[in-house]
């Protein structure tokens, strides 16, 4: 289980977080895993679907890069994502 330490700025740009996400290791506060297929339910890309590419940051909220079917790569907060049903 990977844990971001307080005071590190919450940046997921480090190889540790990116590597943990790509390896599908558990990361405290991160609900989804690499390549999960999700639907965007909030924000400017609501209604689009796509696969999770990476985590951009952990704090103050988890933000992912989602490779969408229509708009390409977009940044989406974890609260704006749900697992997509076929």
C-alpha atoms as a PDB file:
ATOM      1  CA  UNK A   1       0.000   0.000   0.000  1.00  0.00           C
ATOM      2  CA  UNK A   2       1.475   3.345  -1.068  1.00  0.00           C
ATOM      3  CA  UNK A   3       0.883   6.377   1.122  1.00  0.00           C
ATOM      4  CA  UNK A   4       1.595  10.032   0.231  1.00  0.00           C
ATOM      5  CA  UNK A   5       3.171  11.748   3.220  1.00  0.00           C
ATOM      6  CA  UNK A   6       1.704  15.038   4.378  1.00  0.00           C
ATOM      7  CA  UNK A   7       3.877  18.000   3.530  1.00  0.00           C
ATOM      8  CA  UNK A   8       5.064  16.642   0.191  1.00  0.00           C
ATOM      9  CA  UNK A   9       2.616  18.855  -1.668  1.00  0.00           C
ATOM     10  CA  UNK A  10       0.360  16.026  -2.777  1.00  0.00           C
ATOM     11  CA  UNK A  11       2.013  15.840  -6.181  1.00  0.00           C
ATOM     12  CA  UNK A  12       1.728  12.542  -8.008  1.00  0.00           C
ATOM     13  CA  UNK A  13       4.511  13.499 -10.387  1.00  0.00           C
ATOM     14  CA  UNK A  14       7.000  11.365  -8.501  1.00  0.00           C
ATOM     15  CA  UNK A  15       7.980   8.046 -10.003  1.00  0.00           C
ATOM     16  CA  UNK A  16       6.796   6.345  -6.794  1.00  0.00           C
ATOM     17  CA  UNK A  17       3.125   7.278  -7.197  1.00  0.00           C
ATOM     18  CA  UNK A  18       3.044   6.857 -10.976  1.00  0.00           C
ATOM     19  CA  UNK A  19       4.800   3.516 -10.709  1.00  0.00           C
ATOM     20  CA  UNK A  20       2.483   2.317  -7.961  1.00  0.00           C
ATOM     21  CA  UNK A  21      -0.573   3.307 -10.020  1.00  0.00           C
ATOM     22  CA  UNK A  22       0.750   1.614 -13.169  1.00  0.00           C
ATOM     23  CA  UNK A  23       1.505  -1.523 -11.143  1.00  0.00           C
ATOM     24  CA  UNK A  24      -2.060  -1.444  -9.776  1.00  0.00           C
ATOM     25  CA  UNK A  25      -0.779  -1.238  -6.198  1.00  0.00           C
ATOM     26  CA  UNK A  26      -3.088   0.193  -3.597  1.00  0.00           C
ATOM     27  CA  UNK A  27      -2.627   3.922  -2.940  1.00  0.00           C
ATOM     28  CA  UNK A  28      -4.340   5.467   0.070  1.00  0.00           C
ATOM     29  CA  UNK A  29      -7.247   7.641  -1.111  1.00  0.00           C
ATOM     30  CA  UNK A  30      -7.177   6.343  -4.705  1.00  0.00           C
ATOM     31  CA  UNK A  31     -10.389   4.496  -5.538  1.00  0.00           C
ATOM     32  CA  UNK A  32      -9.676   3.334  -9.089  1.00  0.00           C
ATOM     33  CA  UNK A  33      -6.840   1.444 -10.776  1.00  0.00           C
ATOM     34  CA  UNK A  34      -4.849   1.871 -13.963  1.00  0.00           C
ATOM     35  CA  UNK A  35      -6.890   1.063 -17.090  1.00  0.00           C
ATOM     36  CA  UNK A  36     -10.222   1.007 -15.246  1.00  0.00           C
ATOM     37  CA  UNK A  37     -12.978   1.944 -17.722  1.00  0.00           C
ATOM     38  CA  UNK A  38     -15.018   4.784 -16.220  1.00  0.00           C
ATOM     39  CA  UNK A  39     -17.790   7.213 -17.012  1.00  0.00           C
ATOM     40  CA  UNK A  40     -17.298  10.891 -16.259  1.00  0.00           C
ATOM     41  CA  UNK A  41     -20.333  12.023 -14.264  1.00  0.00           C
ATOM     42  CA  UNK A  42     -19.378  15.615 -13.476  1.00  0.00           C
ATOM     43  CA  UNK A  43     -17.481  18.551 -14.891  1.00  0.00           C
ATOM     44  CA  UNK A  44     -17.027  19.696 -18.489  1.00  0.00           C
ATOM     45  CA  UNK A  45     -16.649  16.154 -19.865  1.00  0.00           C
ATOM     46  CA  UNK A  46     -19.692  14.630 -18.124  1.00  0.00           C
ATOM     47  CA  UNK A  47     -21.181  11.786 -20.144  1.00  0.00           C
ATOM     48  CA  UNK A  48     -17.909  10.734 -21.724  1.00  0.00           C
ATOM     49  CA  UNK A  49     -16.282   7.375 -21.039  1.00  0.00           C
ATOM     50  CA  UNK A  50     -12.685   6.266 -21.066  1.00  0.00           C
ATOM     51  CA  UNK A  51      -9.780   4.465 -19.425  1.00  0.00           C
ATOM     52  CA  UNK A  52      -7.664   5.756 -16.564  1.00  0.00           C
ATOM     53  CA  UNK A  53      -4.104   6.496 -17.674  1.00  0.00           C
ATOM     54  CA  UNK A  54      -2.419   7.874 -14.548  1.00  0.00           C
ATOM     55  CA  UNK A  55      -2.863   9.883 -11.373  1.00  0.00           C
ATOM     56  CA  UNK A  56      -1.895  13.562 -11.616  1.00  0.00           C
ATOM     57  CA  UNK A  57      -2.159  14.396  -7.930  1.00  0.00           C
ATOM     58  CA  UNK A  58      -3.413  13.018  -4.644  1.00  0.00           C
ATOM     59  CA  UNK A  59      -4.083  16.143  -2.579  1.00  0.00           C
ATOM     60  CA  UNK A  60      -6.246  18.070  -1.992  1.00  0.00           C
ATOM     61  CA  UNK A  61      -8.257  15.686  -4.202  1.00  0.00           C
ATOM     62  CA  UNK A  62      -7.287  12.788  -6.431  1.00  0.00           C
ATOM     63  CA  UNK A  63      -7.130  13.787 -10.103  1.00  0.00           C
ATOM     64  CA  UNK A  64      -6.672  11.290 -12.946  1.00  0.00           C
ATOM     65  CA  UNK A  65      -5.823  11.518 -16.616  1.00  0.00           C
ATOM     66  CA  UNK A  66      -8.650   9.788 -18.481  1.00  0.00           C
ATOM     67  CA  UNK A  67      -8.205   8.757 -22.122  1.00  0.00           C
ATOM     68  CA  UNK A  68     -11.720   9.411 -23.399  1.00  0.00           C
ATOM     69  CA  UNK A  69     -13.367   8.022 -26.497  1.00  0.00           C
ATOM     70  CA  UNK A  70     -14.208  11.515 -27.878  1.00  0.00           C
ATOM     71  CA  UNK A  71     -11.972  14.184 -26.360  1.00  0.00           C
ATOM     72  CA  UNK A  72      -8.635  12.429 -25.934  1.00  0.00           C
ATOM     73  CA  UNK A  73      -6.821  12.824 -22.616  1.00  0.00           C
ATOM     74  CA  UNK A  74      -8.638  14.927 -20.011  1.00  0.00           C
ATOM     75  CA  UNK A  75      -8.038  15.599 -16.305  1.00  0.00           C
ATOM     76  CA  UNK A  76     -10.877  14.462 -14.047  1.00  0.00           C
ATOM     77  CA  UNK A  77     -11.352  14.574 -10.274  1.00  0.00           C
ATOM     78  CA  UNK A  78     -12.064  11.248  -8.593  1.00  0.00           C
ATOM     79  CA  UNK A  79     -15.486  12.470  -7.391  1.00  0.00           C
ATOM     80  CA  UNK A  80     -16.493  13.003 -11.040  1.00  0.00           C
ATOM     81  CA  UNK A  81     -15.853   9.349 -12.019  1.00  0.00           C
ATOM     82  CA  UNK A  82     -17.868   6.137 -11.782  1.00  0.00           C
ATOM     83  CA  UNK A  83     -17.079   2.658 -13.085  1.00  0.00           C
ATOM     84  CA  UNK A  84     -18.684   2.378 -16.538  1.00  0.00           C
ATOM     85  CA  UNK A  85     -21.129  -0.459 -17.104  1.00  0.00           C
ATOM     86  CA  UNK A  86     -21.095  -2.202 -20.458  1.00  0.00           C
END
